[in-house]
Each structure stands twice: as structure tokens, then as C-alpha cells.
PDB file of N, CA and C in Angstrom:
ATOM      1  N   MET A   1     104.262 113.458 122.069  1.00  0.00           N
ATOM      2  CA  MET A   1     104.565 112.271 121.280  1.00  0.00           C
ATOM      3  C   MET A   1     104.477 112.638 119.793  1.00  0.00           C
ATOM      4  N   THR A   2     105.562 112.422 119.078  1.00  0.00           N
ATOM      5  CA  THR A   2     105.578 112.705 117.645  1.00  0.00           C
ATOM      6  C   THR A   2     105.451 111.410 116.857  1.00  0.00           C
ATOM      7  N   THR A   3     104.944 111.557 115.650  1.00  0.00           N
ATOM      8  CA  THR A   3     104.811 110.382 114.775  1.00  0.00           C
ATOM      9  C   THR A   3     105.693 110.574 113.560  1.00  0.00           C
ATOM     10  N   GLU A   4     106.982 110.457 113.776  1.00  0.00           N
ATOM     11  CA  GLU A   4     107.935 110.562 112.673  1.00  0.00           C
ATOM     12  C   GLU A   4     107.959 109.259 111.894  1.00  0.00           C
ATOM     13  N   SER A   5     108.201 109.375 110.604  1.00  0.00           N
ATOM     14  CA  SER A   5     108.315 108.157 109.792  1.00  0.00           C
ATOM     15  C   SER A   5     109.788 107.787 109.694  1.00  0.00           C
ATOM     16  N   LYS A   6     110.193 106.841 110.510  1.00  0.00           N
ATOM     17  CA  LYS A   6     111.577 106.391 110.522  1.00  0.00           C
ATOM     18  C   LYS A   6     111.682 105.070 109.778  1.00  0.00           C
ATOM     19  N   PRO A   7     112.738 104.885 108.998  1.00  0.00           N
ATOM     20  CA  PRO A   7     112.947 103.588 108.350  1.00  0.00           C
ATOM     21  C   PRO A   7     113.093 102.481 109.383  1.00  0.00           C
ATOM     22  N   ILE A   8     112.648 101.312 109.025  1.00  0.00           N
ATOM     23  CA  ILE A   8     112.721 100.156 109.913  1.00  0.00           C
ATOM     24  C   ILE A   8     114.025  99.421 109.640  1.00  0.00           C
ATOM     25  N   GLY A   9     115.079  99.742 110.372  1.00  0.00           N
ATOM     26  CA  GLY A   9     116.352  99.030 110.274  1.00  0.00           C
ATOM     27  C   GLY A   9     116.935  98.933 108.880  1.00  0.00           C
ATOM     28  N   ASN A  10     116.985 100.013 108.153  1.00  0.00           N
ATOM     29  CA  ASN A  10     117.468  99.960 106.783  1.00  0.00           C
ATOM     30  C   ASN A  10     118.785 100.720 106.659  1.00  0.00           C
ATOM     31  N   THR A  11     119.777 100.087 106.069  1.00  0.00           N
ATOM     32  CA  THR A  11     121.037 100.755 105.783  1.00  0.00           C
ATOM     33  C   THR A  11     121.129 100.953 104.270  1.00  0.00           C
ATOM     34  N   ASP A  12     122.141 101.710 103.860  1.00  0.00           N
ATOM     35  CA  ASP A  12     122.319 101.941 102.425  1.00  0.00           C
ATOM     36  C   ASP A  12     122.601 100.632 101.683  1.00  0.00           C
ATOM     37  N   ARG A  13     123.406  99.754 102.289  1.00  0.00           N
ATOM     38  CA  ARG A  13     123.706  98.469 101.663  1.00  0.00           C
ATOM     39  C   ARG A  13     122.452  97.624 101.498  1.00  0.00           C
ATOM     40  N   THR A  14     121.630  97.609 102.521  1.00  0.00           N
ATOM     41  CA  THR A  14     120.391  96.832 102.462  1.00  0.00           C
ATOM     42  C   THR A  14     119.481  97.368 101.378  1.00  0.00           C
ATOM     43  N   LYS A  15     119.382  98.687 101.273  1.00  0.00           N
ATOM     44  CA  LYS A  15     118.522  99.292 100.259  1.00  0.00           C
ATOM     45  C   LYS A  15     119.005  98.930  98.851  1.00  0.00           C
ATOM     46  N   ILE A  16     120.300  99.008  98.632  1.00  0.00           N
ATOM     47  CA  ILE A  16     120.862  98.656  97.320  1.00  0.00           C
ATOM     48  C   ILE A  16     120.648  97.170  97.034  1.00  0.00           C
ATOM     49  N   PHE A  17     120.922  96.326  98.028  1.00  0.00           N
ATOM     50  CA  PHE A  17     120.730  94.876  97.894  1.00  0.00           C
ATOM     51  C   PHE A  17     119.271  94.566  97.533  1.00  0.00           C
ATOM     52  N   ASN A  18     118.343  95.176  98.254  1.00  0.00           N
ATOM     53  CA  ASN A  18     116.925  94.937  97.985  1.00  0.00           C
ATOM     54  C   ASN A  18     116.523  95.397  96.593  1.00  0.00           C
ATOM     55  N   ARG A  19     116.993  96.550  96.180  1.00  0.00           N
ATOM     56  CA  ARG A  19     116.626  97.054  94.848  1.00  0.00           C
ATOM     57  C   ARG A  19     117.196  96.182  93.731  1.00  0.00           C
ATOM     58  N   VAL A  20     118.418  95.719  93.918  1.00  0.00           N
ATOM     59  CA  VAL A  20     119.032  94.856  92.905  1.00  0.00           C
ATOM     60  C   VAL A  20     118.250  93.543  92.795  1.00  0.00           C
ATOM     61  N   LEU A  21     117.953  92.915  93.924  1.00  0.00           N
ATOM     62  CA  LEU A  21     117.220  91.651  93.880  1.00  0.00           C
ATOM     63  C   LEU A  21     115.786  91.840  93.409  1.00  0.00           C
ATOM     64  N   TYR A  22     115.132  92.915  93.818  1.00  0.00           N
ATOM     65  CA  TYR A  22     113.776  93.201  93.342  1.00  0.00           C
ATOM     66  C   TYR A  22     113.770  93.324  91.818  1.00  0.00           C
ATOM     67  N   THR A  23     114.692  94.120  91.303  1.00  0.00           N
ATOM     68  CA  THR A  23     114.784  94.319  89.856  1.00  0.00           C
ATOM     69  C   THR A  23     115.109  93.019  89.139  1.00  0.00           C
ATOM     70  N   ALA A  24     116.020  92.228  89.702  1.00  0.00           N
ATOM     71  CA  ALA A  24     116.386  90.955  89.073  1.00  0.00           C
ATOM     72  C   ALA A  24     115.188  90.009  89.001  1.00  0.00           C
ATOM     73  N   PHE A  25     114.428  89.874  90.085  1.00  0.00           N
ATOM     74  CA  PHE A  25     113.272  88.990  90.074  1.00  0.00           C
ATOM     75  C   PHE A  25     112.193  89.480  89.116  1.00  0.00           C
ATOM     76  N   VAL A  26     111.995  90.789  89.043  1.00  0.00           N
ATOM     77  CA  VAL A  26     110.999  91.323  88.098  1.00  0.00           C
ATOM     78  C   VAL A  26     111.442  91.061  86.660  1.00  0.00           C
ATOM     79  N   LEU A  27     112.722  91.266  86.361  1.00  0.00           N
ATOM     80  CA  LEU A  27     113.219  91.011  85.005  1.00  0.00           C
ATOM     81  C   LEU A  27     113.139  89.530  84.646  1.00  0.00           C
ATOM     82  N   VAL A  28     113.444  88.654  85.601  1.00  0.00           N
ATOM     83  CA  VAL A  28     113.307  87.219  85.358  1.00  0.00           C
ATOM     84  C   VAL A  28     111.851  86.875  85.073  1.00  0.00           C
ATOM     85  N   ALA A  29     110.933  87.472  85.821  1.00  0.00           N
ATOM     86  CA  ALA A  29     109.507  87.218  85.607  1.00  0.00           C
ATOM     87  C   ALA A  29     109.063  87.675  84.216  1.00  0.00           C
ATOM     88  N   ILE A  30     109.530  88.832  83.800  1.00  0.00           N
ATOM     89  CA  ILE A  30     109.189  89.328  82.459  1.00  0.00           C
ATOM     90  C   ILE A  30     109.750  88.393  81.394  1.00  0.00           C
ATOM     91  N   TYR A  31     110.981  87.967  81.564  1.00  0.00           N
ATOM     92  CA  TYR A  31     111.598  87.029  80.621  1.00  0.00           C
ATOM     93  C   TYR A  31     110.815  85.719  80.557  1.00  0.00           C
ATOM     94  N   LEU A  32     110.496  85.172  81.721  1.00  0.00           N
ATOM     95  CA  LEU A  32     109.784  83.895  81.751  1.00  0.00           C
ATOM     96  C   LEU A  32     108.406  83.996  81.110  1.00  0.00           C
ATOM     97  N   LEU A  33     107.752  85.122  81.301  1.00  0.00           N
ATOM     98  CA  LEU A  33     106.414  85.284  80.735  1.00  0.00           C
ATOM     99  C   LEU A  33     106.465  85.611  79.250  1.00  0.00           C
ATOM    100  N   ALA A  34     107.317  86.552  78.872  1.00  0.00           N
ATOM    101  CA  ALA A  34     107.331  87.031  77.485  1.00  0.00           C
ATOM    102  C   ALA A  34     108.061  86.085  76.533  1.00  0.00           C
ATOM    103  N   ILE A  35     109.164  85.516  76.952  1.00  0.00           N
ATOM    104  CA  ILE A  35     109.982  84.695  76.066  1.00  0.00           C
ATOM    105  C   ILE A  35     109.689  83.207  76.228  1.00  0.00           C
ATOM    106  N   GLN A  36     109.671  82.727  77.464  1.00  0.00           N
ATOM    107  CA  GLN A  36     109.502  81.303  77.721  1.00  0.00           C
ATOM    108  C   GLN A  36     108.037  80.863  77.827  1.00  0.00           C
ATOM    109  N   HIS A  37     107.122  81.814  78.020  1.00  0.00           N
ATOM    110  CA  HIS A  37     105.683  81.530  78.172  1.00  0.00           C
ATOM    111  C   HIS A  37     105.416  80.566  79.330  1.00  0.00           C
ATOM    112  N   GLN A  38     106.134  80.752  80.424  1.00  0.00           N
ATOM    113  CA  GLN A  38     105.968  79.931  81.620  1.00  0.00           C
ATOM    114  C   GLN A  38     105.285  80.780  82.697  1.00  0.00           C
ATOM    115  N   VAL A  39     103.962  80.682  82.747  1.00  0.00           N
ATOM    116  CA  VAL A  39     103.173  81.536  83.621  1.00  0.00           C
ATOM    117  C   VAL A  39     103.453  81.240  85.099  1.00  0.00           C
ATOM    118  N   ALA A  40     103.521  79.963  85.473  1.00  0.00           N
ATOM    119  CA  ALA A  40     103.721  79.597  86.873  1.00  0.00           C
ATOM    120  C   ALA A  40     105.066  80.110  87.399  1.00  0.00           C
ATOM    121  N   GLU A  41     106.111  79.952  86.622  1.00  0.00           N
ATOM    122  CA  GLU A  41     107.427  80.400  87.058  1.00  0.00           C
ATOM    123  C   GLU A  41     107.501  81.927  87.103  1.00  0.00           C
ATOM    124  N   ALA A  42     106.856  82.589  86.131  1.00  0.00           N
ATOM    125  CA  ALA A  42     106.827  84.051  86.124  1.00  0.00           C
ATOM    126  C   ALA A  42     106.079  84.579  87.346  1.00  0.00           C
ATOM    127  N   MET A  43     104.957  83.931  87.685  1.00  0.00           N
ATOM    128  CA  MET A  43     104.192  84.334  88.857  1.00  0.00           C
ATOM    129  C   MET A  43     105.028  84.162  90.125  1.00  0.00           C
ATOM    130  N   SER A  44     105.744  83.063  90.219  1.00  0.00           N
ATOM    131  CA  SER A  44     106.587  82.818  91.394  1.00  0.00           C
ATOM    132  C   SER A  44     107.690  83.873  91.514  1.00  0.00           C
ATOM    133  N   SER A  45     108.348  84.166  90.423  1.00  0.00           N
ATOM    134  CA  SER A  45     109.423  85.170  90.451  1.00  0.00           C
ATOM    135  C   SER A  45     108.882  86.550  90.798  1.00  0.00           C
ATOM    136  N   LEU A  46     107.737  86.885  90.240  1.00  0.00           N
ATOM    137  CA  LEU A  46     107.144  88.186  90.526  1.00  0.00           C
ATOM    138  C   LEU A  46     106.708  88.267  91.984  1.00  0.00           C
ATOM    139  N   GLY A  47     106.185  87.175  92.516  1.00  0.00           N
ATOM    140  CA  GLY A  47     105.810  87.149  93.922  1.00  0.00           C
ATOM    141  C   GLY A  47     107.018  87.227  94.841  1.00  0.00           C
ATOM    142  N   LEU A  48     108.085  86.544  94.479  1.00  0.00           N
ATOM    143  CA  LEU A  48     109.307  86.596  95.282  1.00  0.00           C
ATOM    144  C   LEU A  48     109.937  87.992  95.279  1.00  0.00           C
ATOM    145  N   ALA A  49     109.754  88.718  94.200  1.00  0.00           N
ATOM    146  CA  ALA A  49     110.313  90.075  94.137  1.00  0.00           C
ATOM    147  C   ALA A  49     109.751  90.956  95.248  1.00  0.00           C
ATOM    148  N   LEU A  50     108.514  90.695  95.651  1.00  0.00           N
ATOM    149  CA  LEU A  50     107.897  91.513  96.697  1.00  0.00           C
ATOM    150  C   LEU A  50     108.594  91.368  98.050  1.00  0.00           C
ATOM    151  N   ILE A  51     109.319  90.276  98.247  1.00  0.00           N
ATOM    152  CA  ILE A  51     110.054  90.100  99.498  1.00  0.00           C
ATOM    153  C   ILE A  51     111.105  91.205  99.646  1.00  0.00           C
ATOM    154  N   PHE A  52     111.683  91.604  98.537  1.00  0.00           N
ATOM    155  CA  PHE A  52     112.749  92.605  98.543  1.00  0.00           C
ATOM    156  C   PHE A  52     112.143  93.965  98.238  1.00  0.00           C
ATOM    157  N   ASP A  53     111.641  94.616  99.267  1.00  0.00           N
ATOM    158  CA  ASP A  53     110.988  95.918  99.148  1.00  0.00           C
ATOM    159  C   ASP A  53     111.940  96.915  98.490  1.00  0.00           C
ATOM    160  N   PRO A  54     111.590  97.448  97.303  1.00  0.00           N
ATOM    161  CA  PRO A  54     112.516  98.345  96.614  1.00  0.00           C
ATOM    162  C   PRO A  54     112.552  99.749  97.219  1.00  0.00           C
ATOM    163  N   PHE A  55     111.658 100.022  98.155  1.00  0.00           N
ATOM    164  CA  PHE A  55     111.594 101.339  98.786  1.00  0.00           C
ATOM    165  C   PHE A  55     112.149 101.251 100.198  1.00  0.00           C
ATOM    166  N   VAL A  56     112.300 102.391 100.832  1.00  0.00           N
ATOM    167  CA  VAL A  56     112.702 102.413 102.234  1.00  0.00           C
ATOM    168  C   VAL A  56     111.571 101.790 103.034  1.00  0.00           C
ATOM    169  N   PRO A  57     111.845 100.728 103.792  1.00  0.00           N
ATOM    170  CA  PRO A  57     110.752 100.057 104.495  1.00  0.00           C
ATOM    171  C   PRO A  57     110.155 100.917 105.605  1.00  0.00           C
ATOM    172  N   LEU A  58     108.915 101.271 105.409  1.00  0.00           N
ATOM    173  CA  LEU A  58     108.140 102.029 106.387  1.00  0.00           C
ATOM    174  C   LEU A  58     106.869 101.261 106.671  1.00  0.00           C
ATOM    175  N   ALA A  59     106.205 101.635 107.738  1.00  0.00           N
ATOM    176  CA  ALA A  59     104.883 101.061 107.989  1.00  0.00           C
ATOM    177  C   ALA A  59     103.964 101.478 106.847  1.00  0.00           C
ATOM    178  N   TRP A  60     102.970 100.676 106.553  1.00  0.00           N
ATOM    179  CA  TRP A  60     102.082 100.927 105.406  1.00  0.00           C
ATOM    180  C   TRP A  60     101.441 102.311 105.485  1.00  0.00           C
ATOM    181  N   GLU A  61     101.020 102.710 106.679  1.00  0.00           N
ATOM    182  CA  GLU A  61     100.343 104.000 106.845  1.00  0.00           C
ATOM    183  C   GLU A  61     101.268 105.179 106.563  1.00  0.00           C
ATOM    184  N   GLN A  62     102.561 104.982 106.704  1.00  0.00           N
ATOM    185  CA  GLN A  62     103.529 106.065 106.529  1.00  0.00           C
ATOM    186  C   GLN A  62     104.110 106.126 105.119  1.00  0.00           C
ATOM    187  N   ARG A  63     103.786 105.185 104.281  1.00  0.00           N
ATOM    188  CA  ARG A  63     104.335 105.180 102.922  1.00  0.00           C
ATOM    189  C   ARG A  63     103.664 106.266 102.077  1.00  0.00           C
ATOM    190  N   PRO A  64     104.423 106.865 101.165  1.00  0.00           N
ATOM    191  CA  PRO A  64     103.818 107.801 100.218  1.00  0.00           C
ATOM    192  C   PRO A  64     102.835 107.058  99.302  1.00  0.00           C
ATOM    193  N   ARG A  65     101.910 107.797  98.750  1.00  0.00           N
ATOM    194  CA  ARG A  65     100.861 107.209  97.912  1.00  0.00           C
ATOM    195  C   ARG A  65     101.432 106.461  96.708  1.00  0.00           C
ATOM    196  N   TYR A  66     102.484 106.999  96.067  1.00  0.00           N
ATOM    197  CA  TYR A  66     103.032 106.331  94.879  1.00  0.00           C
ATOM    198  C   TYR A  66     103.601 104.956  95.221  1.00  0.00           C
ATOM    199  N   GLN A  67     104.187 104.802  96.415  1.00  0.00           N
ATOM    200  CA  GLN A  67     104.705 103.492  96.814  1.00  0.00           C
ATOM    201  C   GLN A  67     103.564 102.511  97.044  1.00  0.00           C
ATOM    202  N   LYS A  68     102.504 102.969  97.677  1.00  0.00           N
ATOM    203  CA  LYS A  68     101.345 102.100  97.908  1.00  0.00           C
ATOM    204  C   LYS A  68     100.756 101.642  96.575  1.00  0.00           C
ATOM    205  N   ILE A  69     100.614 102.582  95.636  1.00  0.00           N
ATOM    206  CA  ILE A  69     100.051 102.243  94.326  1.00  0.00           C
ATOM    207  C   ILE A  69     100.955 101.236  93.616  1.00  0.00           C
ATOM    208  N   TRP A  70     102.269 101.475  93.620  1.00  0.00           N
ATOM    209  CA  TRP A  70     103.212 100.575  92.962  1.00  0.00           C
ATOM    210  C   TRP A  70     103.121  99.164  93.534  1.00  0.00           C
ATOM    211  N   LEU A  71     103.132  99.049  94.851  1.00  0.00           N
ATOM    212  CA  LEU A  71     103.096  97.738  95.486  1.00  0.00           C
ATOM    213  C   LEU A  71     101.745  97.043  95.266  1.00  0.00           C
ATOM    214  N   LEU A  72     100.660  97.804  95.262  1.00  0.00           N
ATOM    215  CA  LEU A  72      99.347  97.208  94.995  1.00  0.00           C
ATOM    216  C   LEU A  72      99.227  96.735  93.547  1.00  0.00           C
ATOM    217  N   VAL A  73      99.774  97.489  92.610  1.00  0.00           N
ATOM    218  CA  VAL A  73      99.785  97.049  91.211  1.00  0.00           C
ATOM    219  C   VAL A  73     100.619  95.784  91.066  1.00  0.00           C
ATOM    220  N   HIS A  74     101.737  95.738  91.768  1.00  0.00           N
ATOM    221  CA  HIS A  74     102.617  94.570  91.702  1.00  0.00           C
ATOM    222  C   HIS A  74     101.909  93.320  92.233  1.00  0.00           C
ATOM    223  N   VAL A  75     101.288  93.424  93.402  1.00  0.00           N
ATOM    224  CA  VAL A  75     100.617  92.254  93.972  1.00  0.00           C
ATOM    225  C   VAL A  75      99.387  91.881  93.134  1.00  0.00           C
ATOM    226  N   THR A  76      98.746  92.854  92.509  1.00  0.00           N
ATOM    227  CA  THR A  76      97.627  92.562  91.602  1.00  0.00           C
ATOM    228  C   THR A  76      98.117  91.771  90.395  1.00  0.00           C
ATOM    229  N   ALA A  77      99.280  92.133  89.870  1.00  0.00           N
ATOM    230  CA  ALA A  77      99.848  91.388  88.743  1.00  0.00           C
ATOM    231  C   ALA A  77     100.130  89.941  89.135  1.00  0.00           C
ATOM    232  N   VAL A  78     100.602  89.721  90.366  1.00  0.00           N
ATOM    233  CA  VAL A  78     100.849  88.355  90.836  1.00  0.00           C
ATOM    234  C   VAL A  78      99.535  87.572  90.865  1.00  0.00           C
ATOM    235  N   PHE A  79      98.473  88.183  91.392  1.00  0.00           N
ATOM    236  CA  PHE A  79      97.192  87.490  91.470  1.00  0.00           C
ATOM    237  C   PHE A  79      96.570  87.274  90.086  1.00  0.00           C
ATOM    238  N   VAL A  80      96.792  88.198  89.160  1.00  0.00           N
ATOM    239  CA  VAL A  80      96.312  88.004  87.788  1.00  0.00           C
ATOM    240  C   VAL A  80      97.017  86.805  87.158  1.00  0.00           C
ATOM    241  N   LEU A  81      98.327  86.708  87.340  1.00  0.00           N
ATOM    242  CA  LEU A  81      99.065  85.546  86.820  1.00  0.00           C
ATOM    243  C   LEU A  81      98.619  84.250  87.486  1.00  0.00           C
ATOM    244  N   LEU A  82      98.321  84.321  88.783  1.00  0.00           N
ATOM    245  CA  LEU A  82      97.813  83.133  89.485  1.00  0.00           C
ATOM    246  C   LEU A  82      96.472  82.709  88.899  1.00  0.00           C
ATOM    247  N   GLY A  83      95.587  83.656  88.669  1.00  0.00           N
ATOM    248  CA  GLY A  83      94.308  83.344  88.053  1.00  0.00           C
ATOM    249  C   GLY A  83      94.462  82.802  86.648  1.00  0.00           C
ATOM    250  N   TRP A  84      95.369  83.375  85.882  1.00  0.00           N
ATOM    251  CA  TRP A  84      95.636  82.902  84.517  1.00  0.00           C
ATOM    252  C   TRP A  84      96.150  81.467  84.551  1.00  0.00           C
ATOM    253  N   MET A  85      97.027  81.193  85.522  1.00  0.00           N
ATOM    254  CA  MET A  85      97.601  79.859  85.628  1.00  0.00           C
ATOM    255  C   MET A  85      96.529  78.842  86.028  1.00  0.00           C
ATOM    256  N   VAL A  86      95.664  79.205  86.968  1.00  0.00           N
ATOM    257  CA  VAL A  86      94.673  78.260  87.477  1.00  0.00           C
ATOM    258  C   VAL A  86      93.473  78.108  86.547  1.00  0.00           C
ATOM    259  N   PHE A  87      92.970  79.226  86.030  1.00  0.00           N
ATOM    260  CA  PHE A  87      91.724  79.184  85.266  1.00  0.00           C
ATOM    261  C   PHE A  87      91.913  79.291  83.755  1.00  0.00           C
ATOM    262  N   GLY A  88      93.078  79.714  83.309  1.00  0.00           N
ATOM    263  CA  GLY A  88      93.198  79.973  81.900  1.00  0.00           C
ATOM    264  C   GLY A  88      94.105  79.049  81.213  1.00  0.00           C
TER     265      GLY A  88
END
């Protein structure tokens, strides 16, 4: 029994689609936070960006370390904005 890391149902079109939408939601979040000063909307956009995995979808254990770090930093930013919105 081998433990190969195979993508979970990902095609080239899906990967491009996900990266475009991920980037768009992140850019909208940056715009909303930096220009419009709308923390709640920026947090929502940044959280929605996580739906569109910008990497090849693999199980968490099979992901390279840089992908894990990137995704953890991203979700931490969402929680920081949530805390800022609720407590600040």
C-alpha cells in the first residue's frame, strides 16, 4: 500500500478558477480594509477567499509546509479582524 499524494478532483480549469477567485476576494478585502475602513466586510471577504483553495487541494497531512503556513496565516488574519470588529 502506497501513500501517494494525489489531488482531490482538481483540473487545470478548477485550479485557475480557484486562484482567480481567491485573489479577487483577498484584493477586495484589502481594499475594504485599507480604503473603505470596513472591518466587517473585509473580514467576510477574507474568510470567503479561503473557500477557493489557491493550491492543489490535498489532504492537510500531505500539504507542503509553506502551504500550511500560508493558510494558517490567512485564517489567523480572519480571526484577528473578527476580534477587531467585536472588541475594538
